[in-house]
């Protein structure tokens, strides 16, 4: 590997698992094997390991990240990786991300087998990145701590050392971290979306100065809207409340906390009844989704110290 270091004053924070899915979509398809009708998932996984043995994407991943680093003039690149989900959120809400197994249970066996091999290669990727010879690129990973929370800690404690920080992920939750000197690059943004007639195609970059091209509300309302509507982590939201109604409610009351304080709300509509039954849900959902507000409870002291040591070793940090 080369030790090339991009020249610039920016920080690049990369969501490793999220970006890895770019390679899953490209490489992890079973097309050249014959699967017997009697084969079990375990049988097909064994076949998939052989068929996909050359699909490992370690070198391509590093090349992609380094290319992004050059594009964004990053002197330092920090890779943050998921490993085992969030212990904090699972303790708070045992059903956190609990719908994922059921979501993919009906996929064809060959698709499930390819996905399993991809995750095995993801584990191999973490080892590959940890051994990387790139002096400007460091990996931070800890079992039970999600990449979202590692990125939040880095933004909160190190972004002011840099001219600008770029977050590389397709996860809109990370837009909670945006500010004047923090922006997001969405590697999988599509050219059209539900609001295309009003705003036009979304750019791949999400910045404060182009926020209105991505969302129909203010950055300060992002968390409140997410709490009311729910998310993709089995956080179901309040029945009958979609994005438009959520925005109307936040505009009317000022925040989700003020909506909670107003319970019970007068009205006979089904969604009003649902709100009145959601006091505990609102409390819990905000704790699950508030990246900045909960970060000090999620990142343990020993990890803070390790990150401090890592950031000292990043050149010029």
Protein backbone atom coordinates (compact mmCIF):
# COMPACT_ATOMS: atom_id res chain seq x y z
CA UNK A 1 0.00 0.00 0.00
CA UNK A 2 0.99 3.59 -0.57
CA UNK A 3 1.49 6.01 2.31
CA UNK A 4 0.13 8.93 0.25
CA UNK A 5 -1.39 11.62 2.45
CA UNK A 6 -3.84 14.12 0.94
CA UNK A 7 -2.99 17.76 1.45
CA UNK A 8 -5.62 19.92 3.14
CA UNK A 9 -7.08 20.98 6.43
CA UNK A 10 -10.19 18.80 6.62
CA UNK A 11 -11.26 15.70 8.52
CA UNK A 12 -13.06 12.78 6.85
CA UNK A 13 -15.15 10.48 9.08
CA UNK A 14 -16.27 7.32 7.28
CA UNK A 15 -19.11 4.99 8.29
CA UNK A 16 -17.37 1.70 7.48
CA UNK A 17 -20.31 -0.73 7.44
CA UNK A 18 -22.51 1.75 5.59
CA UNK A 19 -19.94 2.34 2.84
CA UNK A 20 -19.24 -1.40 2.67
CA UNK A 21 -22.75 -1.91 1.33
CA UNK A 22 -21.62 -0.20 -1.86
CA UNK A 23 -19.47 -3.28 -2.50
CA UNK A 24 -22.14 -5.69 -1.32
CA UNK A 25 -24.48 -4.43 -4.04
CA UNK A 26 -21.73 -4.74 -6.66
CA UNK A 27 -20.09 -8.03 -5.76
CA UNK A 28 -22.15 -10.32 -3.56
CA UNK A 29 -24.46 -12.10 -5.97
CA UNK A 30 -24.55 -15.84 -6.60
CA UNK A 31 -24.93 -16.45 -10.30
CA UNK A 32 -22.56 -19.27 -11.22
CA UNK A 33 -23.54 -22.02 -8.81
CA UNK A 34 -26.17 -24.71 -9.05
CA UNK A 35 -28.15 -25.05 -5.82
CA UNK A 36 -29.81 -28.43 -5.12
CA UNK A 37 -33.45 -28.25 -4.08
CA UNK A 38 -32.63 -30.04 -0.82
CA UNK A 39 -29.90 -27.57 0.17
CA UNK A 40 -30.19 -25.79 3.52
CA UNK A 41 -28.98 -22.25 4.21
CA UNK A 42 -25.79 -23.64 5.75
CA UNK A 43 -25.16 -25.71 2.61
CA UNK A 44 -25.56 -22.66 0.40
CA UNK A 45 -23.33 -20.57 2.64
CA UNK A 46 -20.55 -23.10 2.12
CA UNK A 47 -21.03 -22.83 -1.64
CA UNK A 48 -21.19 -19.04 -1.39
CA UNK A 49 -17.90 -18.83 0.50
CA UNK A 50 -16.18 -20.57 -2.40
CA UNK A 51 -18.04 -18.67 -5.12
CA UNK A 52 -17.43 -15.29 -3.44
CA UNK A 53 -13.89 -15.91 -2.25
CA UNK A 54 -12.59 -13.21 -4.61
CA UNK A 55 -15.31 -10.70 -3.69
CA UNK A 56 -13.42 -9.34 -0.67
CA UNK A 57 -13.22 -5.59 -1.11
CA UNK A 58 -10.51 -4.45 1.28
CA UNK A 59 -8.25 -2.83 -1.31
CA UNK A 60 -11.18 -1.30 -3.21
CA UNK A 61 -12.59 0.10 0.04
CA UNK A 62 -9.30 1.80 0.91
CA UNK A 63 -8.94 3.18 -2.62
CA UNK A 64 -12.47 4.62 -2.40
CA UNK A 65 -11.81 6.23 0.97
CA UNK A 66 -8.48 7.67 -0.13
CA UNK A 67 -10.11 9.07 -3.27
CA UNK A 68 -12.75 10.76 -1.11
CA UNK A 69 -9.99 12.04 1.13
CA UNK A 70 -8.28 13.68 -1.82
CA UNK A 71 -11.55 15.12 -3.12
CA UNK A 72 -12.34 16.66 0.26
CA UNK A 73 -8.76 17.74 0.99
CA UNK A 74 -8.63 15.67 4.14
CA UNK A 75 -5.36 15.57 5.99
CA UNK A 76 -6.86 13.02 8.40
CA UNK A 77 -9.30 10.16 7.84
CA UNK A 78 -11.02 8.35 10.70
CA UNK A 79 -12.96 5.16 10.01
CA UNK A 80 -15.74 4.36 12.50
CA UNK A 81 -17.22 0.88 12.47
CA UNK A 82 -20.20 -0.95 13.94
CA UNK A 83 -19.53 -4.13 15.88
CA UNK A 84 -22.47 -5.85 17.54
CA UNK A 85 -24.93 -2.97 17.69
CA UNK A 86 -25.53 -0.53 20.54
CA UNK A 87 -25.45 -2.03 24.03
CA UNK A 88 -26.84 1.22 25.44
CA UNK A 89 -29.87 1.27 23.14
CA UNK A 90 -30.58 -2.43 23.50
CA UNK A 91 -30.59 -2.05 27.27
CA UNK A 92 -32.96 0.90 26.99
CA UNK A 93 -35.15 -0.75 24.34
CA UNK A 94 -34.63 -4.54 23.91
CA UNK A 95 -36.49 -4.44 20.58
CA UNK A 96 -33.97 -1.98 19.12
CA UNK A 97 -33.27 -3.17 15.55
CA UNK A 98 -35.21 -6.30 16.47
CA UNK A 99 -37.13 -6.31 13.20
CA UNK A 100 -34.10 -6.88 11.00
CA UNK A 101 -34.05 -10.67 11.14
CA UNK A 102 -37.73 -10.85 10.23
CA UNK A 103 -37.22 -8.25 7.50
CA UNK A 104 -34.81 -10.50 5.62
CA UNK A 105 -36.26 -13.88 6.62
CA UNK A 106 -38.23 -14.18 3.39
CA UNK A 107 -35.29 -13.42 1.12
CA UNK A 108 -34.26 -16.32 -1.15
CA UNK A 109 -31.69 -18.62 0.44
CA UNK A 110 -28.99 -17.63 -2.05
CA UNK A 111 -29.45 -13.94 -1.16
CA UNK A 112 -29.26 -14.72 2.56
CA UNK A 113 -26.14 -16.85 2.01
CA UNK A 114 -24.43 -14.07 0.04
CA UNK A 115 -25.30 -11.61 2.80
CA UNK A 116 -23.76 -13.89 5.41
CA UNK A 117 -20.54 -14.13 3.43
CA UNK A 118 -20.55 -10.36 3.01
CA UNK A 119 -20.70 -9.93 6.80
CA UNK A 120 -17.85 -12.39 7.20
CA UNK A 121 -15.87 -10.28 4.75
CA UNK A 122 -16.84 -7.16 6.70
CA UNK A 123 -15.19 -8.68 9.79
CA UNK A 124 -12.16 -9.42 7.65
CA UNK A 125 -12.25 -5.81 6.40
CA UNK A 126 -11.95 -4.48 9.96
CA UNK A 127 -8.78 -6.53 10.43
CA UNK A 128 -7.49 -5.32 7.06
CA UNK A 129 -8.14 -1.67 7.95
CA UNK A 130 -6.60 -2.04 11.39
CA UNK A 131 -3.40 -3.21 9.68
CA UNK A 132 -3.53 -0.45 7.07
CA UNK A 133 -0.23 1.23 6.23
CA UNK A 134 -1.90 4.54 5.43
CA UNK A 135 -0.51 6.93 8.02
CA UNK A 136 -3.41 9.37 7.65
CA UNK A 137 -6.16 6.78 8.16
CA UNK A 138 -7.17 5.37 11.55
CA UNK A 139 -9.85 2.85 12.55
CA UNK A 140 -11.99 3.21 15.68
CA UNK A 141 -14.20 0.29 16.61
CA UNK A 142 -15.52 -1.11 19.88
CA UNK A 143 -18.06 -3.83 20.44
CA UNK A 144 -21.40 -2.46 21.61
CA UNK A 145 -20.73 1.09 20.35
CA UNK A 146 -22.29 2.15 17.05
CA UNK A 147 -20.53 4.13 14.34
CA UNK A 148 -23.10 6.91 14.81
CA UNK A 149 -21.93 7.43 18.37
CA UNK A 150 -18.24 7.29 17.50
CA UNK A 151 -18.81 9.91 14.80
CA UNK A 152 -20.77 12.06 17.26
CA UNK A 153 -17.92 11.95 19.76
CA UNK A 154 -15.38 12.88 17.10
CA UNK A 155 -17.48 15.79 15.81
CA UNK A 156 -18.13 17.06 19.33
CA UNK A 157 -14.52 16.88 20.45
CA UNK A 158 -12.28 17.20 17.39
CA UNK A 159 -14.12 18.99 14.55
CA UNK A 160 -12.91 22.38 15.75
CA UNK A 161 -9.33 21.32 14.98
CA UNK A 162 -10.14 21.22 11.28
CA UNK A 163 -11.30 23.62 8.63
CA UNK A 164 -14.21 21.32 7.77
CA UNK A 165 -15.37 17.82 8.68
CA UNK A 166 -17.00 15.57 6.10
CA UNK A 167 -19.14 12.61 7.15
CA UNK A 168 -19.28 9.77 4.62
CA UNK A 169 -22.51 7.81 5.01
CA UNK A 170 -25.98 7.42 3.54
CA UNK A 171 -27.48 7.44 7.05
CA UNK A 172 -29.70 10.51 7.52
CA UNK A 173 -29.38 10.16 11.31
CA UNK A 174 -25.91 11.68 10.90
CA UNK A 175 -27.52 14.92 9.73
CA UNK A 176 -28.12 15.57 13.43
CA UNK A 177 -24.39 16.36 13.54
CA UNK A 178 -24.37 18.99 10.80
CA UNK A 179 -23.23 22.54 11.54
CA UNK A 180 -21.34 25.25 9.72
CA UNK A 181 -18.13 23.24 9.59
CA UNK A 182 -19.63 19.71 9.42
CA UNK A 183 -21.32 18.30 6.31
CA UNK A 184 -22.26 14.89 4.93
CA UNK A 185 -21.47 13.11 1.67
CA UNK A 186 -24.20 10.61 0.76
CA UNK A 187 -22.55 8.09 -1.54
CA UNK A 188 -25.86 6.46 -2.55
CA UNK A 189 -28.11 9.48 -3.11
CA UNK A 190 -30.53 8.95 -6.01
CA UNK A 191 -31.33 11.58 -8.61
CA UNK A 192 -34.99 11.85 -7.72
CA UNK A 193 -37.08 11.76 -4.57
CA UNK A 194 -40.59 12.40 -3.34
CA UNK A 195 -40.16 16.19 -3.34
CA UNK A 196 -38.34 16.49 -6.65
CA UNK A 197 -40.99 18.82 -8.16
CA UNK A 198 -40.34 21.38 -5.42
CA UNK A 199 -36.63 21.19 -4.85
CA UNK A 200 -35.17 19.32 -7.82
CA UNK A 201 -32.82 16.32 -7.56
CA UNK A 202 -30.94 16.11 -4.29
CA UNK A 203 -27.18 16.69 -4.44
CA UNK A 204 -24.95 14.08 -2.87
CA UNK A 205 -23.75 16.57 -0.29
CA UNK A 206 -25.88 17.62 2.67
CA UNK A 207 -24.76 20.95 4.10
CA UNK A 208 -26.47 23.62 6.15
CA UNK A 209 -26.51 25.91 3.12
CA UNK A 210 -28.36 23.34 0.97
CA UNK A 211 -30.47 21.76 3.74
CA UNK A 212 -33.72 22.87 2.07
CA UNK A 213 -32.84 20.74 -0.96
CA UNK A 214 -33.09 17.66 1.26
CA UNK A 215 -35.67 18.48 3.91
CA UNK A 216 -38.87 20.50 4.20
CA UNK A 217 -38.07 21.68 7.73
CA UNK A 218 -35.25 23.38 9.62
CA UNK A 219 -32.12 21.56 10.87
CA UNK A 220 -33.18 22.29 14.47
CA UNK A 221 -36.36 20.28 13.87
CA UNK A 222 -34.65 17.13 12.57
CA UNK A 223 -34.64 15.21 15.86
CA UNK A 224 -38.21 16.22 16.75
CA UNK A 225 -39.52 15.06 13.37
CA UNK A 226 -37.65 11.76 13.65
CA UNK A 227 -39.08 11.07 17.11
CA UNK A 228 -42.65 11.62 15.94
CA UNK A 229 -42.30 9.71 12.67
CA UNK A 230 -39.99 6.93 13.83
CA UNK A 231 -36.95 5.44 12.16
CA UNK A 232 -35.47 2.32 10.61
CA UNK A 233 -34.25 0.76 13.86
CA UNK A 234 -37.62 -0.63 14.92
CA UNK A 235 -38.47 2.76 16.42
CA UNK A 236 -42.02 2.83 15.18
CA UNK A 237 -43.10 6.43 15.68
CA UNK A 238 -46.60 7.54 16.66
CA UNK A 239 -49.50 6.00 14.76
CA UNK A 240 -51.05 8.30 12.20
CA UNK A 241 -48.14 10.75 12.11
CA UNK A 242 -46.15 11.10 8.91
CA UNK A 243 -43.59 13.75 7.97
CA UNK A 244 -46.12 16.47 7.07
CA UNK A 245 -48.26 16.05 10.20
CA UNK A 246 -45.11 15.84 12.33
CA UNK A 247 -43.91 19.15 10.96
CA UNK A 248 -47.32 20.74 11.56
CA UNK A 249 -47.21 19.55 15.18
CA UNK A 250 -43.65 20.76 15.77
CA UNK A 251 -44.48 24.14 14.25
CA UNK A 252 -47.57 24.41 16.42
CA UNK A 253 -46.05 23.35 19.75
CA UNK A 254 -42.40 24.28 19.19
CA UNK A 255 -40.74 20.93 19.93
CA UNK A 256 -41.44 17.31 20.72
CA UNK A 257 -40.74 18.03 24.39
CA UNK A 258 -43.48 20.67 24.39
CA UNK A 259 -45.82 18.22 22.69
CA UNK A 260 -45.10 15.75 25.47
CA UNK A 261 -45.69 18.46 28.10
CA UNK A 262 -49.08 19.25 26.51
CA UNK A 263 -50.38 15.68 26.93
CA UNK A 264 -53.30 15.10 27.22
CA UNK A 265 -54.13 17.07 24.08
CA UNK A 266 -57.78 17.79 23.36
CA UNK A 267 -59.20 16.21 20.22
CA UNK A 268 -60.98 13.16 18.90
CA UNK A 269 -58.76 12.34 15.92
CA UNK A 270 -57.03 8.98 16.03
CA UNK A 271 -53.55 10.52 15.86
CA UNK A 272 -54.37 12.79 18.84
CA UNK A 273 -55.36 9.72 20.84
CA UNK A 274 -52.11 8.08 19.76
CA UNK A 275 -50.10 11.10 20.94
CA UNK A 276 -51.86 11.04 24.30
CA UNK A 277 -50.81 7.41 24.70
CA UNK A 278 -47.20 8.12 23.69
CA UNK A 279 -45.72 10.02 26.65
CA UNK A 280 -43.33 7.19 27.52
CA UNK A 281 -42.62 6.49 23.86
CA UNK A 282 -41.54 10.09 23.22
CA UNK A 283 -39.18 9.97 26.20
CA UNK A 284 -37.65 6.69 25.07
CA UNK A 285 -37.48 7.50 21.36
CA UNK A 286 -35.67 10.76 22.00
CA UNK A 287 -33.09 8.95 24.13
CA UNK A 288 -32.61 6.40 21.35
CA UNK A 289 -32.24 9.01 18.59
CA UNK A 290 -30.54 11.98 20.25
CA UNK A 291 -26.95 11.38 19.17
CA UNK A 292 -25.47 14.48 20.77
CA UNK A 293 -27.60 14.53 23.91
CA UNK A 294 -26.88 10.92 24.86
CA UNK A 295 -23.25 10.67 23.73
CA UNK A 296 -21.71 11.20 27.16
CA UNK A 297 -23.72 8.26 28.48
CA UNK A 298 -22.74 6.00 25.59
CA UNK A 299 -18.99 6.55 25.19
CA UNK A 300 -17.10 5.14 28.22
CA UNK A 301 -14.06 6.87 29.68
CA UNK A 302 -11.64 4.21 28.49
CA UNK A 303 -12.84 4.66 24.92
CA UNK A 304 -12.51 8.44 25.25
CA UNK A 305 -8.89 7.92 26.28
CA UNK A 306 -8.25 5.52 23.41
CA UNK A 307 -9.73 7.95 20.90
CA UNK A 308 -7.57 10.72 22.35
CA UNK A 309 -4.48 8.59 21.80
CA UNK A 310 -5.57 7.70 18.27
CA UNK A 311 -6.20 11.33 17.37
CA UNK A 312 -2.80 12.32 18.72
CA UNK A 313 -1.21 9.81 16.37
CA UNK A 314 -3.11 11.11 13.36
CA UNK A 315 -0.61 13.44 11.61
CA UNK A 316 -1.03 17.12 12.43
CA UNK A 317 -4.25 16.58 14.41
